[in-house]
Amino acid sequence: MIRAFGGVTTQDIQNEVRAVAKLCKPPTHKNIVSVHRYGRIPIGTYYFLDMECCDVNLEDYIQRKWTAETVAKMPYFTNNLPPRRRMTQLWDVMEDVTSGLAFIHSHGEVHRDLKPRNSIALANSY
């Protein structure tokens, strides 16, 4: 759910929805989170993005903050690894982030809120 508040205007939200419509239509990119549905809720000033649910974001991965459920689901991603293997994983994640960002830029868009919390570490590819 998204709504205008603070410094976020309705125009900002509409721009976000426009970018989602542009970037998430096929053919999309493997490093862009899927958006299934999006739009404005007819009653009120709320908008919505129905996005793919991901297990781990980059902030959680860097800080190694994950639940027991995540550890059980992705042991190859969350276990204590030798330093060289962990660096390889981090390098792979950074390549994925930059590849997704290059896709966004190739479509004339700019990601204005790039930070670890907004970057997904898709463990199924490691």
N, C-alpha and C. Protein backbone atom coordinates (compact mmCIF):
# COMPACT_ATOMS: atom_id res chain seq x y z
N MET A 1 0.85 -1.17 0.00
CA MET A 1 0.00 0.00 0.00
C MET A 1 0.89 1.23 0.00
N ILE A 2 0.54 2.18 -0.81
CA ILE A 2 1.29 3.41 -0.92
C ILE A 2 0.31 4.57 -0.87
N ARG A 3 0.70 5.61 -0.17
CA ARG A 3 -0.13 6.81 -0.15
C ARG A 3 0.78 8.02 -0.06
N ALA A 4 0.26 9.14 -0.50
CA ALA A 4 1.02 10.38 -0.40
C ALA A 4 1.09 10.81 1.06
N PHE A 5 2.27 11.10 1.54
CA PHE A 5 2.47 11.63 2.89
C PHE A 5 3.87 12.21 2.97
N GLY A 6 4.09 13.10 3.91
CA GLY A 6 5.41 13.71 4.06
C GLY A 6 5.84 14.34 2.75
N GLY A 7 7.02 13.97 2.28
CA GLY A 7 7.54 14.50 1.03
C GLY A 7 7.13 13.71 -0.19
N VAL A 8 6.34 12.64 -0.01
CA VAL A 8 5.90 11.79 -1.13
C VAL A 8 4.58 12.32 -1.66
N THR A 9 4.57 12.72 -2.92
CA THR A 9 3.36 13.28 -3.52
C THR A 9 2.64 12.23 -4.35
N THR A 10 1.41 12.52 -4.71
CA THR A 10 0.65 11.65 -5.60
C THR A 10 1.37 11.51 -6.93
N GLN A 11 1.99 12.56 -7.39
CA GLN A 11 2.76 12.49 -8.64
C GLN A 11 3.94 11.53 -8.51
N ASP A 12 4.61 11.51 -7.36
CA ASP A 12 5.71 10.57 -7.12
C ASP A 12 5.20 9.13 -7.23
N ILE A 13 4.05 8.88 -6.63
CA ILE A 13 3.47 7.53 -6.65
C ILE A 13 3.07 7.16 -8.07
N GLN A 14 2.45 8.05 -8.78
CA GLN A 14 2.05 7.76 -10.16
C GLN A 14 3.28 7.49 -11.03
N ASN A 15 4.37 8.20 -10.77
CA ASN A 15 5.61 7.95 -11.50
C ASN A 15 6.14 6.55 -11.19
N GLU A 16 6.06 6.14 -9.94
CA GLU A 16 6.48 4.79 -9.54
C GLU A 16 5.64 3.74 -10.25
N VAL A 17 4.34 3.92 -10.28
CA VAL A 17 3.44 2.97 -10.94
C VAL A 17 3.74 2.94 -12.45
N ARG A 18 4.01 4.09 -13.05
CA ARG A 18 4.36 4.15 -14.47
C ARG A 18 5.63 3.36 -14.75
N ALA A 19 6.66 3.53 -13.90
CA ALA A 19 7.92 2.82 -14.07
C ALA A 19 7.72 1.32 -13.90
N VAL A 20 6.91 0.92 -12.93
CA VAL A 20 6.61 -0.51 -12.73
C VAL A 20 5.94 -1.09 -13.97
N ALA A 21 4.97 -0.37 -14.51
CA ALA A 21 4.27 -0.84 -15.71
C ALA A 21 5.26 -1.02 -16.87
N LYS A 22 6.21 -0.13 -16.97
CA LYS A 22 7.19 -0.17 -18.05
C LYS A 22 8.21 -1.29 -17.84
N LEU A 23 8.74 -1.43 -16.64
CA LEU A 23 9.83 -2.36 -16.39
C LEU A 23 9.40 -3.80 -16.11
N CYS A 24 8.16 -3.98 -15.70
CA CYS A 24 7.72 -5.32 -15.30
C CYS A 24 6.89 -6.04 -16.35
N LYS A 25 6.72 -5.42 -17.52
CA LYS A 25 6.01 -6.13 -18.58
C LYS A 25 7.01 -7.00 -19.34
N PRO A 26 6.58 -8.15 -19.83
CA PRO A 26 7.49 -9.03 -20.55
C PRO A 26 8.03 -8.36 -21.80
N PRO A 27 9.25 -8.60 -22.21
CA PRO A 27 10.22 -9.44 -21.48
C PRO A 27 10.86 -8.63 -20.36
N THR A 28 10.87 -9.19 -19.18
CA THR A 28 11.46 -8.50 -18.04
C THR A 28 12.86 -9.06 -17.81
N HIS A 29 13.42 -8.76 -16.69
CA HIS A 29 14.79 -9.16 -16.37
C HIS A 29 14.79 -10.04 -15.13
N LYS A 30 15.64 -11.05 -15.11
CA LYS A 30 15.66 -11.99 -13.98
C LYS A 30 16.01 -11.34 -12.65
N ASN A 31 16.65 -10.18 -12.68
CA ASN A 31 17.03 -9.51 -11.44
C ASN A 31 16.11 -8.35 -11.07
N ILE A 32 14.94 -8.32 -11.68
CA ILE A 32 13.91 -7.35 -11.33
C ILE A 32 12.77 -8.12 -10.66
N VAL A 33 12.37 -7.68 -9.48
CA VAL A 33 11.29 -8.35 -8.75
C VAL A 33 10.01 -8.27 -9.57
N SER A 34 9.29 -9.37 -9.66
CA SER A 34 8.04 -9.40 -10.41
C SER A 34 6.96 -8.62 -9.68
N VAL A 35 6.19 -7.87 -10.45
CA VAL A 35 5.02 -7.17 -9.93
C VAL A 35 3.82 -7.78 -10.64
N HIS A 36 2.94 -8.41 -9.87
CA HIS A 36 1.80 -9.12 -10.44
C HIS A 36 0.65 -8.18 -10.81
N ARG A 37 0.37 -7.26 -9.90
CA ARG A 37 -0.70 -6.28 -10.14
C ARG A 37 -0.31 -4.96 -9.49
N TYR A 38 -0.88 -3.89 -9.98
CA TYR A 38 -0.60 -2.57 -9.42
C TYR A 38 -1.73 -1.64 -9.83
N GLY A 39 -1.85 -0.55 -9.11
CA GLY A 39 -2.86 0.44 -9.48
C GLY A 39 -3.31 1.28 -8.31
N ARG A 40 -4.40 1.96 -8.53
CA ARG A 40 -4.98 2.84 -7.52
C ARG A 40 -6.22 2.17 -6.95
N ILE A 41 -6.37 2.25 -5.66
CA ILE A 41 -7.58 1.73 -5.02
C ILE A 41 -8.67 2.78 -5.23
N PRO A 42 -9.82 2.38 -5.79
CA PRO A 42 -10.86 3.34 -6.17
C PRO A 42 -11.34 4.25 -5.04
N ILE A 43 -11.36 3.73 -3.82
CA ILE A 43 -11.84 4.54 -2.70
C ILE A 43 -10.62 5.10 -1.97
N GLY A 44 -10.50 6.39 -1.89
CA GLY A 44 -9.40 7.02 -1.18
C GLY A 44 -8.23 7.35 -2.09
N THR A 45 -7.09 7.59 -1.46
CA THR A 45 -5.91 8.02 -2.20
C THR A 45 -4.78 7.00 -2.14
N TYR A 46 -5.11 5.75 -1.92
CA TYR A 46 -4.11 4.69 -1.81
C TYR A 46 -3.85 4.03 -3.16
N TYR A 47 -2.60 3.64 -3.36
CA TYR A 47 -2.17 2.85 -4.51
C TYR A 47 -1.63 1.54 -3.96
N PHE A 48 -1.48 0.54 -4.82
CA PHE A 48 -0.94 -0.74 -4.37
C PHE A 48 0.01 -1.31 -5.40
N LEU A 49 0.98 -2.08 -4.90
CA LEU A 49 1.87 -2.89 -5.72
C LEU A 49 1.82 -4.30 -5.15
N ASP A 50 1.39 -5.26 -5.94
CA ASP A 50 1.35 -6.67 -5.54
C ASP A 50 2.61 -7.31 -6.12
N MET A 51 3.64 -7.44 -5.27
CA MET A 51 4.96 -7.85 -5.73
C MET A 51 5.30 -9.28 -5.29
N GLU A 52 6.26 -9.85 -6.01
CA GLU A 52 6.84 -11.14 -5.66
C GLU A 52 7.38 -11.06 -4.23
N CYS A 53 7.14 -12.10 -3.47
CA CYS A 53 7.65 -12.16 -2.10
C CYS A 53 9.03 -12.81 -2.14
N CYS A 54 10.02 -12.14 -1.57
CA CYS A 54 11.39 -12.66 -1.57
C CYS A 54 11.81 -12.96 -0.14
N ASP A 55 12.64 -13.97 0.01
CA ASP A 55 13.03 -14.44 1.34
C ASP A 55 14.03 -13.55 2.06
N VAL A 56 14.95 -12.97 1.33
CA VAL A 56 16.05 -12.24 1.96
C VAL A 56 16.34 -10.97 1.16
N ASN A 57 16.44 -9.83 1.84
CA ASN A 57 16.93 -8.65 1.13
C ASN A 57 18.42 -8.49 1.41
N LEU A 58 19.07 -7.65 0.67
CA LEU A 58 20.52 -7.51 0.77
C LEU A 58 20.95 -7.02 2.15
N GLU A 59 20.16 -6.16 2.77
CA GLU A 59 20.49 -5.69 4.12
C GLU A 59 20.53 -6.86 5.10
N ASP A 60 19.52 -7.73 5.04
CA ASP A 60 19.50 -8.90 5.92
C ASP A 60 20.68 -9.82 5.64
N TYR A 61 21.02 -9.97 4.37
CA TYR A 61 22.14 -10.84 4.00
C TYR A 61 23.45 -10.28 4.55
N ILE A 62 23.68 -9.00 4.37
CA ILE A 62 24.92 -8.38 4.84
C ILE A 62 25.03 -8.51 6.36
N GLN A 63 23.92 -8.26 7.05
CA GLN A 63 23.92 -8.30 8.52
C GLN A 63 23.67 -9.71 9.06
N ARG A 64 23.47 -10.66 8.14
CA ARG A 64 23.22 -12.06 8.49
C ARG A 64 22.04 -12.18 9.46
N LYS A 65 20.97 -11.44 9.14
CA LYS A 65 19.74 -11.47 9.94
C LYS A 65 18.71 -12.29 9.18
N TRP A 66 18.53 -13.52 9.56
CA TRP A 66 17.50 -14.33 8.95
C TRP A 66 16.89 -15.26 9.97
N THR A 67 15.71 -15.69 9.66
CA THR A 67 14.97 -16.54 10.58
C THR A 67 15.43 -17.99 10.47
N ALA A 68 15.05 -18.78 11.45
CA ALA A 68 15.35 -20.22 11.41
C ALA A 68 14.71 -20.85 10.18
N GLU A 69 13.53 -20.35 9.80
CA GLU A 69 12.84 -20.86 8.61
C GLU A 69 13.66 -20.60 7.35
N THR A 70 14.23 -19.41 7.26
CA THR A 70 15.06 -19.08 6.09
C THR A 70 16.32 -19.95 6.06
N VAL A 71 16.94 -20.16 7.22
CA VAL A 71 18.13 -21.01 7.30
C VAL A 71 17.79 -22.42 6.84
N ALA A 72 16.66 -22.95 7.28
CA ALA A 72 16.26 -24.30 6.89
C ALA A 72 15.96 -24.38 5.40
N LYS A 73 15.37 -23.32 4.87
CA LYS A 73 14.98 -23.30 3.46
C LYS A 73 16.18 -23.11 2.53
N MET A 74 17.18 -22.35 2.99
CA MET A 74 18.33 -22.01 2.13
C MET A 74 19.65 -22.19 2.87
N PRO A 75 19.98 -23.40 3.31
CA PRO A 75 21.22 -23.58 4.08
C PRO A 75 22.48 -23.24 3.29
N TYR A 76 22.46 -23.46 1.98
CA TYR A 76 23.61 -23.16 1.13
C TYR A 76 23.87 -21.67 1.03
N PHE A 77 22.92 -20.87 1.45
CA PHE A 77 23.01 -19.41 1.35
C PHE A 77 23.25 -18.77 2.71
N THR A 78 22.80 -19.42 3.77
CA THR A 78 22.80 -18.79 5.09
C THR A 78 23.80 -19.40 6.06
N ASN A 79 24.31 -20.60 5.79
CA ASN A 79 25.27 -21.22 6.71
C ASN A 79 26.55 -20.40 6.77
N ASN A 80 27.30 -20.61 7.85
CA ASN A 80 28.62 -20.00 7.92
C ASN A 80 29.47 -20.63 6.84
N LEU A 81 30.01 -19.81 5.98
CA LEU A 81 30.81 -20.28 4.86
C LEU A 81 32.26 -19.84 5.04
N PRO A 82 33.16 -20.56 4.40
CA PRO A 82 34.55 -20.07 4.40
C PRO A 82 34.58 -18.67 3.77
N PRO A 83 35.49 -17.83 4.21
CA PRO A 83 35.54 -16.44 3.70
C PRO A 83 35.57 -16.34 2.18
N ARG A 84 36.31 -17.20 1.50
CA ARG A 84 36.39 -17.13 0.04
C ARG A 84 35.03 -17.41 -0.59
N ARG A 85 34.30 -18.37 -0.08
CA ARG A 85 32.97 -18.69 -0.63
C ARG A 85 31.99 -17.56 -0.36
N ARG A 86 32.07 -16.97 0.83
CA ARG A 86 31.18 -15.85 1.16
C ARG A 86 31.47 -14.66 0.23
N MET A 87 32.75 -14.39 -0.05
CA MET A 87 33.09 -13.31 -0.98
C MET A 87 32.56 -13.61 -2.38
N THR A 88 32.62 -14.86 -2.78
CA THR A 88 32.07 -15.24 -4.09
C THR A 88 30.57 -14.98 -4.14
N GLN A 89 29.87 -15.34 -3.06
CA GLN A 89 28.43 -15.07 -2.99
C GLN A 89 28.16 -13.57 -3.06
N LEU A 90 28.91 -12.80 -2.30
CA LEU A 90 28.71 -11.34 -2.31
C LEU A 90 28.97 -10.77 -3.71
N TRP A 91 29.98 -11.25 -4.37
CA TRP A 91 30.28 -10.79 -5.72
C TRP A 91 29.12 -11.12 -6.66
N ASP A 92 28.59 -12.35 -6.55
CA ASP A 92 27.45 -12.75 -7.38
C ASP A 92 26.23 -11.86 -7.13
N VAL A 93 25.98 -11.56 -5.86
CA VAL A 93 24.85 -10.68 -5.52
C VAL A 93 25.05 -9.30 -6.14
N MET A 94 26.25 -8.75 -6.02
CA MET A 94 26.53 -7.43 -6.58
C MET A 94 26.39 -7.43 -8.11
N GLU A 95 26.81 -8.51 -8.76
CA GLU A 95 26.62 -8.61 -10.21
C GLU A 95 25.13 -8.60 -10.55
N ASP A 96 24.33 -9.31 -9.75
CA ASP A 96 22.88 -9.32 -9.98
C ASP A 96 22.28 -7.93 -9.81
N VAL A 97 22.68 -7.22 -8.76
CA VAL A 97 22.16 -5.87 -8.52
C VAL A 97 22.53 -4.95 -9.68
N THR A 98 23.79 -4.99 -10.10
CA THR A 98 24.21 -4.10 -11.19
C THR A 98 23.58 -4.48 -12.51
N SER A 99 23.35 -5.77 -12.73
CA SER A 99 22.69 -6.20 -13.96
C SER A 99 21.25 -5.71 -14.00
N GLY A 100 20.54 -5.82 -12.87
CA GLY A 100 19.17 -5.29 -12.80
C GLY A 100 19.14 -3.78 -12.97
N LEU A 101 20.11 -3.10 -12.39
CA LEU A 101 20.20 -1.65 -12.51
C LEU A 101 20.48 -1.24 -13.96
N ALA A 102 21.34 -1.99 -14.64
CA ALA A 102 21.62 -1.70 -16.06
C ALA A 102 20.35 -1.86 -16.89
N PHE A 103 19.53 -2.87 -16.57
CA PHE A 103 18.25 -3.07 -17.26
C PHE A 103 17.35 -1.86 -17.06
N ILE A 104 17.26 -1.39 -15.83
CA ILE A 104 16.44 -0.22 -15.52
C ILE A 104 16.92 0.98 -16.34
N HIS A 105 18.22 1.21 -16.34
CA HIS A 105 18.78 2.35 -17.08
C HIS A 105 18.58 2.20 -18.58
N SER A 106 18.65 0.97 -19.09
CA SER A 106 18.46 0.76 -20.53
C SER A 106 17.04 1.10 -20.98
N HIS A 107 16.12 1.17 -20.04
CA HIS A 107 14.74 1.55 -20.34
C HIS A 107 14.46 3.01 -19.99
N GLY A 108 15.54 3.78 -19.79
CA GLY A 108 15.38 5.21 -19.55
C GLY A 108 14.86 5.56 -18.18
N GLU A 109 15.00 4.66 -17.23
CA GLU A 109 14.53 4.91 -15.86
C GLU A 109 15.72 4.98 -14.92
N VAL A 110 15.50 5.57 -13.75
CA VAL A 110 16.52 5.68 -12.72
C VAL A 110 15.92 5.16 -11.43
N HIS A 111 16.66 4.31 -10.72
CA HIS A 111 16.22 3.83 -9.40
C HIS A 111 16.63 4.89 -8.39
N ARG A 112 15.65 5.58 -7.82
CA ARG A 112 15.94 6.71 -6.93
C ARG A 112 16.04 6.32 -5.46
N ASP A 113 15.91 5.04 -5.15
CA ASP A 113 15.96 4.63 -3.75
C ASP A 113 16.76 3.33 -3.63
N LEU A 114 17.94 3.30 -4.23
CA LEU A 114 18.77 2.11 -4.21
C LEU A 114 19.50 2.01 -2.88
N LYS A 115 19.22 0.96 -2.14
CA LYS A 115 19.86 0.70 -0.86
C LYS A 115 19.71 -0.79 -0.57
N PRO A 116 20.50 -1.33 0.34
CA PRO A 116 20.44 -2.78 0.59
C PRO A 116 19.04 -3.30 0.91
N ARG A 117 18.25 -2.54 1.65
CA ARG A 117 16.90 -3.01 2.00
C ARG A 117 16.02 -3.17 0.76
N ASN A 118 16.31 -2.41 -0.29
CA ASN A 118 15.52 -2.47 -1.52
C ASN A 118 16.15 -3.37 -2.58
N SER A 119 17.19 -4.07 -2.22
CA SER A 119 17.83 -5.00 -3.14
C SER A 119 17.65 -6.40 -2.58
N ILE A 120 17.17 -7.26 -3.42
CA ILE A 120 16.84 -8.61 -2.99
C ILE A 120 18.00 -9.54 -3.28
N ALA A 121 18.37 -10.33 -2.31
CA ALA A 121 19.37 -11.38 -2.50
C ALA A 121 18.60 -12.66 -2.83
N LEU A 122 18.49 -12.96 -4.10
CA LEU A 122 17.72 -14.14 -4.51
C LEU A 122 18.58 -15.39 -4.36
N ALA A 123 18.36 -16.06 -3.26
CA ALA A 123 19.22 -17.17 -2.88
C ALA A 123 19.10 -18.37 -3.79
N ASN A 124 18.02 -18.49 -4.51
CA ASN A 124 17.85 -19.68 -5.34
C ASN A 124 18.84 -19.72 -6.49
N SER A 125 19.56 -18.64 -6.73
CA SER A 125 20.52 -18.65 -7.82
C SER A 125 21.94 -18.93 -7.34
N TYR A 126 22.11 -19.25 -6.04
CA TYR A 126 23.45 -19.48 -5.52
C TYR A 126 23.63 -20.89 -5.01
